[in-house]
N, C-alpha and C. Protein backbone atom coordinates (compact mmCIF):
# COMPACT_ATOMS: atom_id res chain seq x y z
N MET A 1 19.87 -138.99 -92.18
CA MET A 1 19.41 -140.32 -92.49
C MET A 1 18.90 -141.05 -91.26
N GLY A 2 19.41 -140.75 -90.09
CA GLY A 2 19.00 -141.42 -88.87
C GLY A 2 17.50 -141.36 -88.64
N GLU A 3 16.87 -140.28 -89.05
CA GLU A 3 15.43 -140.15 -88.86
C GLU A 3 14.67 -141.15 -89.71
N VAL A 4 15.16 -141.42 -90.91
CA VAL A 4 14.52 -142.40 -91.78
C VAL A 4 14.63 -143.79 -91.17
N VAL A 5 15.81 -144.13 -90.65
CA VAL A 5 15.99 -145.42 -89.99
C VAL A 5 15.06 -145.52 -88.78
N ASP A 6 14.91 -144.45 -88.03
CA ASP A 6 13.98 -144.45 -86.90
C ASP A 6 12.54 -144.69 -87.35
N LEU A 7 12.13 -144.07 -88.43
CA LEU A 7 10.77 -144.27 -88.95
C LEU A 7 10.54 -145.72 -89.34
N VAL A 8 11.51 -146.30 -90.04
CA VAL A 8 11.40 -147.70 -90.45
C VAL A 8 11.33 -148.59 -89.22
N SER A 9 12.22 -148.35 -88.28
CA SER A 9 12.28 -149.15 -87.06
C SER A 9 10.97 -149.06 -86.28
N ASN A 10 10.46 -147.86 -86.10
CA ASN A 10 9.21 -147.69 -85.35
C ASN A 10 8.03 -148.35 -86.03
N ALA A 11 7.97 -148.25 -87.36
CA ALA A 11 6.88 -148.89 -88.10
C ALA A 11 6.94 -150.40 -87.96
N LEU A 12 8.14 -150.96 -88.04
CA LEU A 12 8.28 -152.41 -87.92
C LEU A 12 8.01 -152.89 -86.50
N ARG A 13 8.42 -152.12 -85.53
CA ARG A 13 8.11 -152.48 -84.13
C ARG A 13 6.61 -152.47 -83.90
N ARG A 14 5.94 -151.48 -84.46
CA ARG A 14 4.48 -151.40 -84.31
C ARG A 14 3.82 -152.62 -84.95
N LYS A 15 4.28 -152.99 -86.14
CA LYS A 15 3.73 -154.17 -86.82
C LYS A 15 3.98 -155.42 -85.97
N LEU A 16 5.16 -155.52 -85.42
CA LEU A 16 5.51 -156.66 -84.57
C LEU A 16 4.60 -156.73 -83.35
N LEU A 17 4.40 -155.60 -82.70
CA LEU A 17 3.53 -155.56 -81.52
C LEU A 17 2.07 -155.85 -81.85
N ASP A 18 1.61 -155.30 -82.96
CA ASP A 18 0.20 -155.45 -83.33
C ASP A 18 -0.13 -156.81 -83.92
N HIS A 19 0.82 -157.39 -84.69
CA HIS A 19 0.49 -158.59 -85.45
C HIS A 19 1.36 -159.80 -85.13
N GLY A 20 2.37 -159.64 -84.29
CA GLY A 20 3.20 -160.77 -83.89
C GLY A 20 4.39 -161.01 -84.79
N ALA A 21 5.26 -161.88 -84.31
CA ALA A 21 6.53 -162.16 -85.00
C ALA A 21 6.33 -162.75 -86.39
N ARG A 22 5.30 -163.54 -86.57
CA ARG A 22 5.08 -164.18 -87.88
C ARG A 22 4.65 -163.19 -88.95
N SER A 23 4.26 -162.00 -88.55
CA SER A 23 3.81 -161.01 -89.53
C SER A 23 4.98 -160.36 -90.27
N LEU A 24 6.19 -160.46 -89.72
CA LEU A 24 7.34 -159.83 -90.37
C LEU A 24 8.00 -160.80 -91.35
N THR A 25 8.32 -160.27 -92.51
CA THR A 25 9.05 -161.04 -93.52
C THR A 25 10.53 -161.07 -93.14
N ASP A 26 11.29 -161.90 -93.84
CA ASP A 26 12.74 -161.93 -93.60
C ASP A 26 13.37 -160.56 -93.83
N VAL A 27 12.93 -159.89 -94.87
CA VAL A 27 13.45 -158.54 -95.17
C VAL A 27 13.15 -157.60 -94.01
N GLU A 28 11.94 -157.64 -93.50
CA GLU A 28 11.56 -156.77 -92.39
C GLU A 28 12.35 -157.09 -91.13
N TRP A 29 12.61 -158.38 -90.88
CA TRP A 29 13.44 -158.74 -89.73
C TRP A 29 14.85 -158.16 -89.87
N HIS A 30 15.41 -158.26 -91.09
CA HIS A 30 16.74 -157.67 -91.31
C HIS A 30 16.71 -156.17 -91.02
N LEU A 31 15.70 -155.49 -91.54
CA LEU A 31 15.59 -154.04 -91.33
C LEU A 31 15.45 -153.71 -89.85
N LEU A 32 14.63 -154.48 -89.15
CA LEU A 32 14.41 -154.22 -87.73
C LEU A 32 15.66 -154.47 -86.90
N ARG A 33 16.31 -155.60 -87.12
CA ARG A 33 17.52 -155.92 -86.34
C ARG A 33 18.62 -154.89 -86.58
N ILE A 34 18.83 -154.54 -87.84
CA ILE A 34 19.92 -153.62 -88.15
C ILE A 34 19.60 -152.21 -87.68
N SER A 35 18.37 -151.79 -87.79
CA SER A 35 18.01 -150.46 -87.29
C SER A 35 18.18 -150.41 -85.77
N HIS A 36 17.86 -151.51 -85.10
CA HIS A 36 18.05 -151.59 -83.65
C HIS A 36 19.54 -151.48 -83.30
N LEU A 37 20.37 -152.16 -84.08
CA LEU A 37 21.82 -152.06 -83.90
C LEU A 37 22.29 -150.62 -84.08
N LEU A 38 21.87 -149.98 -85.16
CA LEU A 38 22.30 -148.61 -85.43
C LEU A 38 21.85 -147.67 -84.33
N ASN A 39 20.62 -147.84 -83.86
CA ASN A 39 20.13 -147.00 -82.76
C ASN A 39 20.91 -147.23 -81.48
N SER A 40 21.29 -148.47 -81.21
CA SER A 40 22.04 -148.75 -79.97
C SER A 40 23.43 -148.14 -80.02
N ILE A 41 24.02 -148.06 -81.20
CA ILE A 41 25.32 -147.41 -81.33
C ILE A 41 25.16 -145.91 -81.10
N GLU A 42 24.11 -145.35 -81.67
CA GLU A 42 23.89 -143.90 -81.56
C GLU A 42 23.56 -143.48 -80.13
N ASP A 43 22.75 -144.27 -79.43
CA ASP A 43 22.34 -143.84 -78.08
C ASP A 43 23.15 -144.50 -76.96
N SER A 44 24.28 -145.07 -77.32
CA SER A 44 25.24 -145.62 -76.34
C SER A 44 24.67 -146.76 -75.50
N THR A 45 23.80 -147.58 -76.08
CA THR A 45 23.28 -148.75 -75.38
C THR A 45 23.76 -150.04 -76.04
N PHE A 46 24.79 -149.92 -76.89
CA PHE A 46 25.28 -151.07 -77.63
C PHE A 46 25.78 -152.18 -76.69
N ASP A 47 26.48 -151.80 -75.63
CA ASP A 47 27.00 -152.82 -74.71
C ASP A 47 25.87 -153.64 -74.11
N ARG A 48 24.76 -153.00 -73.79
CA ARG A 48 23.61 -153.71 -73.23
C ARG A 48 22.97 -154.62 -74.29
N LEU A 49 22.88 -154.13 -75.53
CA LEU A 49 22.33 -154.94 -76.61
C LEU A 49 23.17 -156.20 -76.79
N LEU A 50 24.49 -156.04 -76.77
CA LEU A 50 25.38 -157.18 -76.95
C LEU A 50 25.27 -158.16 -75.78
N ALA A 51 25.23 -157.65 -74.58
CA ALA A 51 25.18 -158.51 -73.40
C ALA A 51 23.85 -159.25 -73.27
N ASP A 52 22.76 -158.61 -73.71
CA ASP A 52 21.42 -159.18 -73.52
C ASP A 52 20.92 -160.03 -74.67
N SER A 53 21.57 -159.95 -75.81
CA SER A 53 21.09 -160.68 -76.99
C SER A 53 21.56 -162.12 -76.98
N PRO A 54 20.65 -163.05 -77.24
CA PRO A 54 21.07 -164.44 -77.40
C PRO A 54 22.02 -164.55 -78.60
N LEU A 55 22.91 -165.54 -78.56
CA LEU A 55 23.85 -165.72 -79.66
C LEU A 55 23.13 -165.92 -80.99
N ALA A 56 22.01 -166.61 -80.99
CA ALA A 56 21.25 -166.83 -82.23
C ALA A 56 20.78 -165.50 -82.82
N GLU A 57 20.41 -164.58 -81.97
CA GLU A 57 19.97 -163.26 -82.44
C GLU A 57 21.13 -162.48 -83.04
N LEU A 58 22.30 -162.59 -82.43
CA LEU A 58 23.49 -161.92 -82.98
C LEU A 58 23.85 -162.51 -84.34
N LEU A 59 23.73 -163.82 -84.48
CA LEU A 59 24.01 -164.46 -85.76
C LEU A 59 22.98 -164.06 -86.81
N ALA A 60 21.73 -163.91 -86.41
CA ALA A 60 20.70 -163.43 -87.33
C ALA A 60 20.98 -161.99 -87.75
N LEU A 61 21.49 -161.19 -86.82
CA LEU A 61 21.89 -159.82 -87.14
C LEU A 61 23.02 -159.84 -88.17
N ALA A 62 23.98 -160.71 -87.99
CA ALA A 62 25.09 -160.84 -88.95
C ALA A 62 24.55 -161.25 -90.32
N ASP A 63 23.59 -162.16 -90.35
CA ASP A 63 22.98 -162.56 -91.62
C ASP A 63 22.30 -161.36 -92.28
N GLY A 64 21.65 -160.53 -91.48
CA GLY A 64 21.02 -159.33 -92.02
C GLY A 64 22.04 -158.36 -92.59
N LEU A 65 23.16 -158.23 -91.90
CA LEU A 65 24.22 -157.35 -92.40
C LEU A 65 24.79 -157.89 -93.72
N ASP A 66 24.90 -159.21 -93.84
CA ASP A 66 25.30 -159.79 -95.13
C ASP A 66 24.26 -159.48 -96.20
N ALA A 67 22.99 -159.60 -95.84
CA ALA A 67 21.91 -159.37 -96.81
C ALA A 67 21.92 -157.94 -97.35
N ILE A 68 22.27 -156.98 -96.51
CA ILE A 68 22.30 -155.59 -96.98
C ILE A 68 23.64 -155.22 -97.60
N GLU A 69 24.52 -156.21 -97.69
CA GLU A 69 25.84 -156.05 -98.30
C GLU A 69 26.78 -155.20 -97.44
N SER A 70 26.82 -155.53 -96.15
CA SER A 70 27.78 -154.94 -95.21
C SER A 70 28.59 -156.08 -94.59
N PRO A 71 29.44 -156.73 -95.40
CA PRO A 71 30.14 -157.93 -94.93
C PRO A 71 31.14 -157.66 -93.81
N ASP A 72 31.77 -156.50 -93.78
CA ASP A 72 32.72 -156.22 -92.70
C ASP A 72 32.01 -156.15 -91.35
N ALA A 73 30.86 -155.51 -91.33
CA ALA A 73 30.08 -155.43 -90.10
C ALA A 73 29.58 -156.82 -89.70
N ALA A 74 29.18 -157.62 -90.68
CA ALA A 74 28.70 -158.98 -90.40
C ALA A 74 29.83 -159.82 -89.79
N ARG A 75 31.03 -159.72 -90.35
CA ARG A 75 32.17 -160.46 -89.79
C ARG A 75 32.47 -160.01 -88.37
N ALA A 76 32.37 -158.72 -88.12
CA ALA A 76 32.63 -158.20 -86.77
C ALA A 76 31.62 -158.76 -85.77
N ILE A 77 30.36 -158.81 -86.15
CA ILE A 77 29.32 -159.36 -85.27
C ILE A 77 29.55 -160.85 -85.03
N ARG A 78 29.88 -161.59 -86.09
CA ARG A 78 30.14 -163.03 -85.93
C ARG A 78 31.35 -163.28 -85.02
N GLY A 79 32.38 -162.46 -85.18
CA GLY A 79 33.55 -162.59 -84.30
C GLY A 79 33.19 -162.34 -82.86
N ALA A 80 32.36 -161.32 -82.63
CA ALA A 80 31.91 -161.03 -81.27
C ALA A 80 31.06 -162.16 -80.72
N ALA A 81 30.21 -162.74 -81.55
CA ALA A 81 29.38 -163.86 -81.09
C ALA A 81 30.24 -165.05 -80.69
N THR A 82 31.30 -165.30 -81.44
CA THR A 82 32.23 -166.39 -81.10
C THR A 82 32.91 -166.10 -79.77
N ALA A 83 33.36 -164.87 -79.58
CA ALA A 83 34.01 -164.49 -78.32
C ALA A 83 33.03 -164.56 -77.15
N LEU A 84 31.79 -164.16 -77.39
CA LEU A 84 30.77 -164.24 -76.33
C LEU A 84 30.46 -165.69 -75.98
N ALA A 85 30.43 -166.55 -76.98
CA ALA A 85 30.19 -167.97 -76.71
C ALA A 85 31.29 -168.53 -75.82
N ALA A 86 32.53 -168.14 -76.06
CA ALA A 86 33.64 -168.58 -75.22
C ALA A 86 33.50 -168.03 -73.80
N ALA A 87 33.02 -166.80 -73.69
CA ALA A 87 32.84 -166.19 -72.37
C ALA A 87 31.72 -166.87 -71.59
N ASN A 88 30.83 -167.57 -72.29
CA ASN A 88 29.73 -168.28 -71.63
C ASN A 88 30.09 -169.70 -71.21
N ASP A 89 31.32 -170.13 -71.51
CA ASP A 89 31.74 -171.48 -71.15
C ASP A 89 31.62 -171.69 -69.64
N PRO A 90 31.28 -172.91 -69.23
CA PRO A 90 31.19 -173.21 -67.79
C PRO A 90 32.51 -172.87 -67.09
N GLY A 91 32.38 -172.34 -65.91
CA GLY A 91 33.55 -171.99 -65.11
C GLY A 91 34.09 -170.60 -65.38
N ARG A 92 33.48 -169.88 -66.32
CA ARG A 92 33.96 -168.54 -66.64
C ARG A 92 32.97 -167.46 -66.22
N GLY A 93 32.04 -167.83 -65.37
CA GLY A 93 30.99 -166.90 -64.96
C GLY A 93 31.51 -165.61 -64.35
N LEU A 94 32.55 -165.70 -63.54
CA LEU A 94 33.08 -164.51 -62.89
C LEU A 94 33.78 -163.58 -63.89
N GLU A 95 34.27 -164.14 -64.95
CA GLU A 95 34.97 -163.35 -65.97
C GLU A 95 34.02 -162.78 -67.03
N ARG A 96 32.79 -163.30 -67.07
CA ARG A 96 31.88 -162.96 -68.17
C ARG A 96 31.63 -161.47 -68.30
N SER A 97 31.33 -160.78 -67.23
CA SER A 97 31.00 -159.36 -67.36
C SER A 97 32.17 -158.55 -67.90
N GLU A 98 33.38 -158.88 -67.47
CA GLU A 98 34.56 -158.19 -68.00
C GLU A 98 34.77 -158.52 -69.47
N ALA A 99 34.58 -159.77 -69.82
CA ALA A 99 34.74 -160.19 -71.22
C ALA A 99 33.71 -159.49 -72.11
N VAL A 100 32.46 -159.45 -71.66
CA VAL A 100 31.41 -158.79 -72.45
C VAL A 100 31.72 -157.31 -72.60
N ALA A 101 32.16 -156.67 -71.54
CA ALA A 101 32.49 -155.24 -71.61
C ALA A 101 33.62 -155.00 -72.61
N SER A 102 34.62 -155.85 -72.58
CA SER A 102 35.75 -155.71 -73.49
C SER A 102 35.32 -155.94 -74.94
N ILE A 103 34.54 -156.97 -75.17
CA ILE A 103 34.04 -157.27 -76.52
C ILE A 103 33.17 -156.13 -77.02
N ALA A 104 32.29 -155.65 -76.16
CA ALA A 104 31.38 -154.56 -76.54
C ALA A 104 32.15 -153.29 -76.89
N LYS A 105 33.17 -153.00 -76.13
CA LYS A 105 33.95 -151.78 -76.40
C LYS A 105 34.65 -151.87 -77.76
N ARG A 106 35.33 -153.00 -78.00
CA ARG A 106 36.04 -153.17 -79.28
C ARG A 106 35.06 -153.16 -80.45
N LEU A 107 33.99 -153.93 -80.32
CA LEU A 107 33.01 -154.03 -81.41
C LEU A 107 32.28 -152.70 -81.60
N GLY A 108 31.93 -152.06 -80.51
CA GLY A 108 31.25 -150.77 -80.60
C GLY A 108 32.09 -149.74 -81.33
N ASN A 109 33.39 -149.70 -81.03
CA ASN A 109 34.28 -148.78 -81.73
C ASN A 109 34.36 -149.10 -83.22
N ARG A 110 34.47 -150.38 -83.51
CA ARG A 110 34.57 -150.80 -84.92
C ARG A 110 33.28 -150.49 -85.68
N LEU A 111 32.15 -150.85 -85.09
CA LEU A 111 30.87 -150.59 -85.76
C LEU A 111 30.54 -149.11 -85.80
N GLY A 112 30.97 -148.38 -84.78
CA GLY A 112 30.74 -146.94 -84.78
C GLY A 112 31.37 -146.27 -85.99
N SER A 113 32.54 -146.73 -86.36
CA SER A 113 33.20 -146.15 -87.53
C SER A 113 32.52 -146.58 -88.83
N MET A 114 31.75 -147.65 -88.80
CA MET A 114 31.04 -148.14 -89.99
C MET A 114 29.59 -147.67 -90.03
N ARG A 115 29.13 -147.02 -88.98
CA ARG A 115 27.72 -146.73 -88.81
C ARG A 115 27.08 -146.06 -90.02
N SER A 116 27.65 -145.00 -90.52
CA SER A 116 27.02 -144.29 -91.63
C SER A 116 26.97 -145.15 -92.89
N ALA A 117 28.01 -145.94 -93.14
CA ALA A 117 28.01 -146.83 -94.31
C ALA A 117 26.94 -147.91 -94.16
N VAL A 118 26.82 -148.48 -92.96
CA VAL A 118 25.80 -149.51 -92.73
C VAL A 118 24.40 -148.91 -92.89
N GLU A 119 24.22 -147.71 -92.38
CA GLU A 119 22.92 -147.05 -92.50
C GLU A 119 22.58 -146.83 -93.98
N GLN A 120 23.53 -146.39 -94.76
CA GLN A 120 23.29 -146.18 -96.19
C GLN A 120 22.96 -147.50 -96.88
N GLN A 121 23.69 -148.57 -96.53
CA GLN A 121 23.41 -149.89 -97.10
C GLN A 121 22.02 -150.37 -96.71
N LEU A 122 21.62 -150.10 -95.48
CA LEU A 122 20.29 -150.49 -95.01
C LEU A 122 19.21 -149.80 -95.83
N LEU A 123 19.37 -148.53 -96.04
CA LEU A 123 18.36 -147.80 -96.82
C LEU A 123 18.36 -148.25 -98.28
N ASN A 124 19.53 -148.47 -98.85
CA ASN A 124 19.60 -148.98 -100.22
C ASN A 124 18.88 -150.33 -100.32
N TYR A 125 19.13 -151.18 -99.35
CA TYR A 125 18.49 -152.50 -99.31
C TYR A 125 16.97 -152.35 -99.24
N ALA A 126 16.50 -151.49 -98.38
CA ALA A 126 15.06 -151.30 -98.22
C ALA A 126 14.41 -150.85 -99.52
N PHE A 127 15.06 -149.96 -100.23
CA PHE A 127 14.48 -149.45 -101.47
C PHE A 127 14.54 -150.47 -102.61
N ARG A 128 15.40 -151.47 -102.49
CA ARG A 128 15.49 -152.51 -103.52
C ARG A 128 14.47 -153.62 -103.34
N GLN A 129 13.77 -153.64 -102.24
CA GLN A 129 12.91 -154.78 -101.91
C GLN A 129 11.51 -154.64 -102.48
N ASN A 130 11.14 -155.58 -103.34
CA ASN A 130 9.80 -155.59 -103.91
C ASN A 130 8.76 -155.98 -102.87
N GLU A 131 9.13 -156.87 -101.94
CA GLU A 131 8.12 -157.35 -100.99
C GLU A 131 7.66 -156.24 -100.04
N LEU A 132 8.50 -155.23 -99.81
CA LEU A 132 8.06 -154.12 -98.97
C LEU A 132 7.02 -153.29 -99.69
N ALA A 133 7.20 -153.13 -100.98
CA ALA A 133 6.25 -152.34 -101.75
C ALA A 133 4.89 -153.03 -101.85
N SER A 134 4.90 -154.36 -101.80
CA SER A 134 3.64 -155.10 -101.97
C SER A 134 2.97 -155.46 -100.64
N SER A 135 3.65 -155.23 -99.51
CA SER A 135 3.05 -155.59 -98.23
C SER A 135 2.07 -154.51 -97.78
N ASP A 136 1.26 -154.87 -96.80
CA ASP A 136 0.30 -153.91 -96.27
C ASP A 136 1.03 -152.71 -95.69
N PRO A 137 0.52 -151.51 -95.91
CA PRO A 137 1.18 -150.34 -95.35
C PRO A 137 1.14 -150.39 -93.83
N VAL A 138 2.22 -149.90 -93.23
CA VAL A 138 2.33 -149.87 -91.79
C VAL A 138 2.40 -148.43 -91.36
N VAL A 139 1.52 -148.05 -90.48
CA VAL A 139 1.51 -146.68 -89.99
C VAL A 139 2.19 -146.65 -88.64
N PRO A 140 3.25 -145.83 -88.50
CA PRO A 140 3.94 -145.78 -87.19
C PRO A 140 3.07 -145.19 -86.10
């Protein structure tokens, strides 16, 4: 299944690069964010994704996980976003990297165990979407 997620992700990235952020629908943003999450878990770059993503992006990712009906993963992301927000409080700069590493490790382990279920939910979601069938075809 990972290859299908990669194809979807690559096609959406190409559309984003070629036509800009406004060209993606809400459904496509959900697919792109979640496929990026799944890929980061698979290629061991999840900690970097978590550390580099703005909190708003993490919350949008959680919304996408809710949309595909993966509420446990969405709650885990929201919990991590809350913990990261606390780590960003003034005066905690020296502790931030350790806090992010700890959050990333816990969340990565939790999401890693959910990965195949989230991937299946993502594909199910994609196949249920009428707007994807009616949008312009995207060639990777």
